[in-house]
Amino acid sequence: MDVSEREYFRYLRDHPAPAPFIGPPVRSKVNGAWTIAIARRVSGAGGEFLGIVASYVEARYFEDFYQAINTNKGESIGLFRHDGTVLARYPHIEKMIGEKISTKSPWYENVASGGGLGYGVDIQTSDNPVTPAWSRSVFNGLAQVMVQSTKEAGEIKL
């Protein structure tokens, strides 16, 4: 299967990065599901690009997990890439998957500044602001950002 047009392939082909690369969610060529690639570059002895090794996780895996741990009606939980790309979210909002939050958002600035926990950065929704709690953790070079807000049926405009 040719994946040379995928972001993770192009990035790893052009950068001798030893760390894994998390791609944005894309539609699987096999079943059409939103899929997240985690890939590493394979280099030759001279550093030349030989290819990639990739693993794929359906975004639905995270969404099902978030649904299972979500105990309060109206809460949402999301997983974002380090650049603010929405990887998965519960409840699922189709048009948000793969979109990036605005770098002008105060929420983005707080999360992008490093690891930790936060609370109290208002996010403007369709009808009023919500105040989410967020957590950003880095493990082995991979950034995971979790956001939890309580806004029933509201879409967060980030």
Protein backbone atom coordinates (compact mmCIF):
# COMPACT_ATOMS: atom_id res chain seq x y z
CA MET A 1 0.00 0.00 0.00
CA ASP A 2 1.44 3.37 -1.02
CA VAL A 3 1.43 5.88 1.86
CA SER A 4 3.99 8.28 0.41
CA GLU A 5 1.42 11.11 0.32
CA ARG A 6 0.78 10.87 4.08
CA GLU A 7 2.25 13.57 6.33
CA TYR A 8 4.11 11.13 8.58
CA PHE A 9 5.85 9.51 5.60
CA ARG A 10 6.90 12.83 4.05
CA TYR A 11 8.12 14.19 7.40
CA LEU A 12 10.18 11.13 8.28
CA ARG A 13 11.57 10.85 4.75
CA ASP A 14 12.80 14.46 4.92
CA HIS A 15 13.94 14.59 8.58
CA PRO A 16 16.36 12.15 10.24
CA ALA A 17 14.32 12.30 13.45
CA PRO A 18 14.86 9.36 15.82
CA ALA A 19 11.64 10.03 17.75
CA PRO A 20 8.27 8.59 16.74
CA PHE A 21 6.00 10.85 14.70
CA ILE A 22 2.26 11.06 15.36
CA GLY A 23 0.38 11.80 12.18
CA PRO A 24 -2.89 13.68 11.96
CA PRO A 25 -6.04 11.57 11.76
CA VAL A 26 -6.70 10.35 8.23
CA ARG A 27 -9.30 8.10 6.68
CA SER A 28 -8.01 4.54 6.52
CA LYS A 29 -7.43 3.20 3.02
CA VAL A 30 -8.64 -0.18 4.32
CA ASN A 31 -11.94 0.57 6.12
CA GLY A 32 -12.51 4.34 5.92
CA ALA A 33 -12.27 4.87 9.71
CA TRP A 34 -10.42 7.84 11.22
CA THR A 35 -6.94 6.46 11.89
CA ILE A 36 -3.89 7.86 13.66
CA ALA A 37 -0.43 6.71 12.53
CA ILE A 38 2.51 6.45 14.89
CA ALA A 39 5.62 6.01 12.78
CA ARG A 40 9.40 5.89 13.03
CA ARG A 41 12.05 6.44 10.43
CA VAL A 42 14.29 3.56 9.36
CA SER A 43 17.73 4.81 8.31
CA GLY A 44 20.71 3.05 6.79
CA ALA A 45 24.20 2.97 8.27
CA GLY A 46 25.01 6.25 6.49
CA GLY A 47 21.82 7.94 7.68
CA GLU A 48 20.02 7.52 4.35
CA PHE A 49 16.27 7.03 4.39
CA LEU A 50 15.26 3.38 3.96
CA GLY A 51 11.60 3.61 4.92
CA ILE A 52 9.29 3.75 7.91
CA VAL A 53 7.77 1.43 10.48
CA ALA A 54 4.23 2.45 11.37
CA SER A 55 1.45 1.39 13.67
CA TYR A 56 -2.13 2.54 13.22
CA VAL A 57 -4.77 3.18 15.86
CA GLU A 58 -8.38 3.98 15.06
CA ALA A 59 -9.45 7.24 16.69
CA ARG A 60 -12.59 5.40 17.76
CA TYR A 61 -10.46 3.45 20.26
CA PHE A 62 -9.82 6.66 22.23
CA GLU A 63 -13.39 7.88 21.80
CA ASP A 64 -14.78 4.62 23.17
CA PHE A 65 -12.38 4.81 26.10
CA TYR A 66 -13.33 8.43 26.84
CA GLN A 67 -17.00 7.49 26.70
CA ALA A 68 -16.40 4.68 29.20
CA ILE A 69 -14.68 6.96 31.72
CA ASN A 70 -16.93 9.97 31.20
CA THR A 71 -19.14 10.09 34.27
CA ASN A 72 -20.96 13.40 33.91
CA LYS A 73 -23.50 14.28 31.26
CA GLY A 74 -22.32 17.23 29.22
CA GLU A 75 -18.59 16.62 29.64
CA SER A 76 -16.24 16.22 26.72
CA ILE A 77 -12.74 14.79 26.55
CA GLY A 78 -10.33 15.26 23.66
CA LEU A 79 -6.92 14.08 22.52
CA PHE A 80 -4.79 16.56 20.58
CA ARG A 81 -1.50 16.39 18.75
CA HIS A 82 1.32 18.70 19.94
CA ASP A 83 0.39 21.23 17.22
CA GLY A 84 -3.24 21.44 18.35
CA THR A 85 -4.72 18.98 15.82
CA VAL A 86 -7.79 17.18 17.17
CA LEU A 87 -7.03 13.44 17.07
CA ALA A 88 -10.09 12.10 18.90
CA ARG A 89 -12.95 13.47 20.95
CA TYR A 90 -15.91 12.28 22.96
CA PRO A 91 -18.59 13.07 22.19
CA HIS A 92 -17.52 12.72 18.58
CA ILE A 93 -18.03 15.78 16.39
CA GLU A 94 -17.10 14.78 12.86
CA LYS A 95 -16.08 18.20 11.57
CA MET A 96 -13.62 18.73 14.45
CA ILE A 97 -11.50 15.63 13.74
CA GLY A 98 -8.26 16.62 12.04
CA GLU A 99 -8.82 20.34 12.57
CA LYS A 100 -6.24 22.48 14.38
CA ILE A 101 -7.15 24.82 17.19
CA SER A 102 -6.20 28.45 16.64
CA THR A 103 -2.70 29.37 17.80
CA LYS A 104 -4.26 32.68 18.92
CA SER A 105 -6.44 30.86 21.44
CA PRO A 106 -5.42 31.49 25.06
CA TRP A 107 -6.01 27.79 25.65
CA TYR A 108 -3.48 26.87 22.95
CA GLU A 109 -0.87 29.18 24.46
CA ASN A 110 -1.26 27.58 27.89
CA VAL A 111 -1.08 24.03 26.58
CA ALA A 112 1.76 24.69 24.11
CA SER A 113 3.94 26.19 26.85
CA GLY A 114 4.76 22.76 28.29
CA GLY A 115 3.60 19.92 30.45
CA GLY A 116 1.35 20.29 33.44
CA LEU A 117 -2.21 20.84 34.51
CA GLY A 118 -4.42 23.86 34.14
CA TYR A 119 -7.88 25.15 34.82
CA GLY A 120 -9.71 28.34 34.14
CA VAL A 121 -8.84 29.36 30.59
CA ASP A 122 -12.16 30.26 28.99
CA ILE A 123 -12.99 28.87 25.56
CA GLN A 124 -15.66 30.61 23.55
CA THR A 125 -18.44 28.29 22.45
CA SER A 126 -21.36 28.92 20.16
CA ASP A 127 -23.36 30.61 22.93
CA ASN A 128 -21.12 31.23 25.97
CA PRO A 129 -17.65 30.51 27.36
CA VAL A 130 -16.77 27.27 29.10
CA THR A 131 -13.92 26.74 31.52
CA PRO A 132 -12.05 23.52 30.79
CA ALA A 133 -9.47 21.64 32.77
CA TRP A 134 -6.50 20.46 30.72
CA SER A 135 -3.48 18.25 31.11
CA ARG A 136 -0.44 17.97 28.87
CA SER A 137 2.05 15.18 29.31
CA VAL A 138 5.12 14.18 27.36
CA PHE A 139 6.30 10.59 27.29
CA ASN A 140 9.25 9.46 25.22
CA GLY A 141 8.95 12.50 22.95
CA LEU A 142 5.20 12.07 22.40
CA ALA A 143 2.87 14.84 23.55
CA GLN A 144 -0.59 14.00 24.78
CA VAL A 145 -3.07 16.73 25.57
CA MET A 146 -6.34 15.99 27.31
CA VAL A 147 -9.08 18.59 27.68
CA GLN A 148 -12.20 18.18 29.72
CA SER A 149 -15.00 20.71 29.63
CA THR A 150 -18.59 20.77 30.75
CA LYS A 151 -20.75 22.18 28.02
CA GLU A 152 -23.67 20.05 26.93
CA ALA A 153 -24.19 20.03 23.18
CA GLY A 154 -21.88 23.01 22.67
CA GLU A 155 -19.09 22.97 20.15
CA ILE A 156 -15.82 24.43 21.32
CA LYS A 157 -14.39 26.96 18.88
CA LEU A 158 -10.67 26.86 19.50
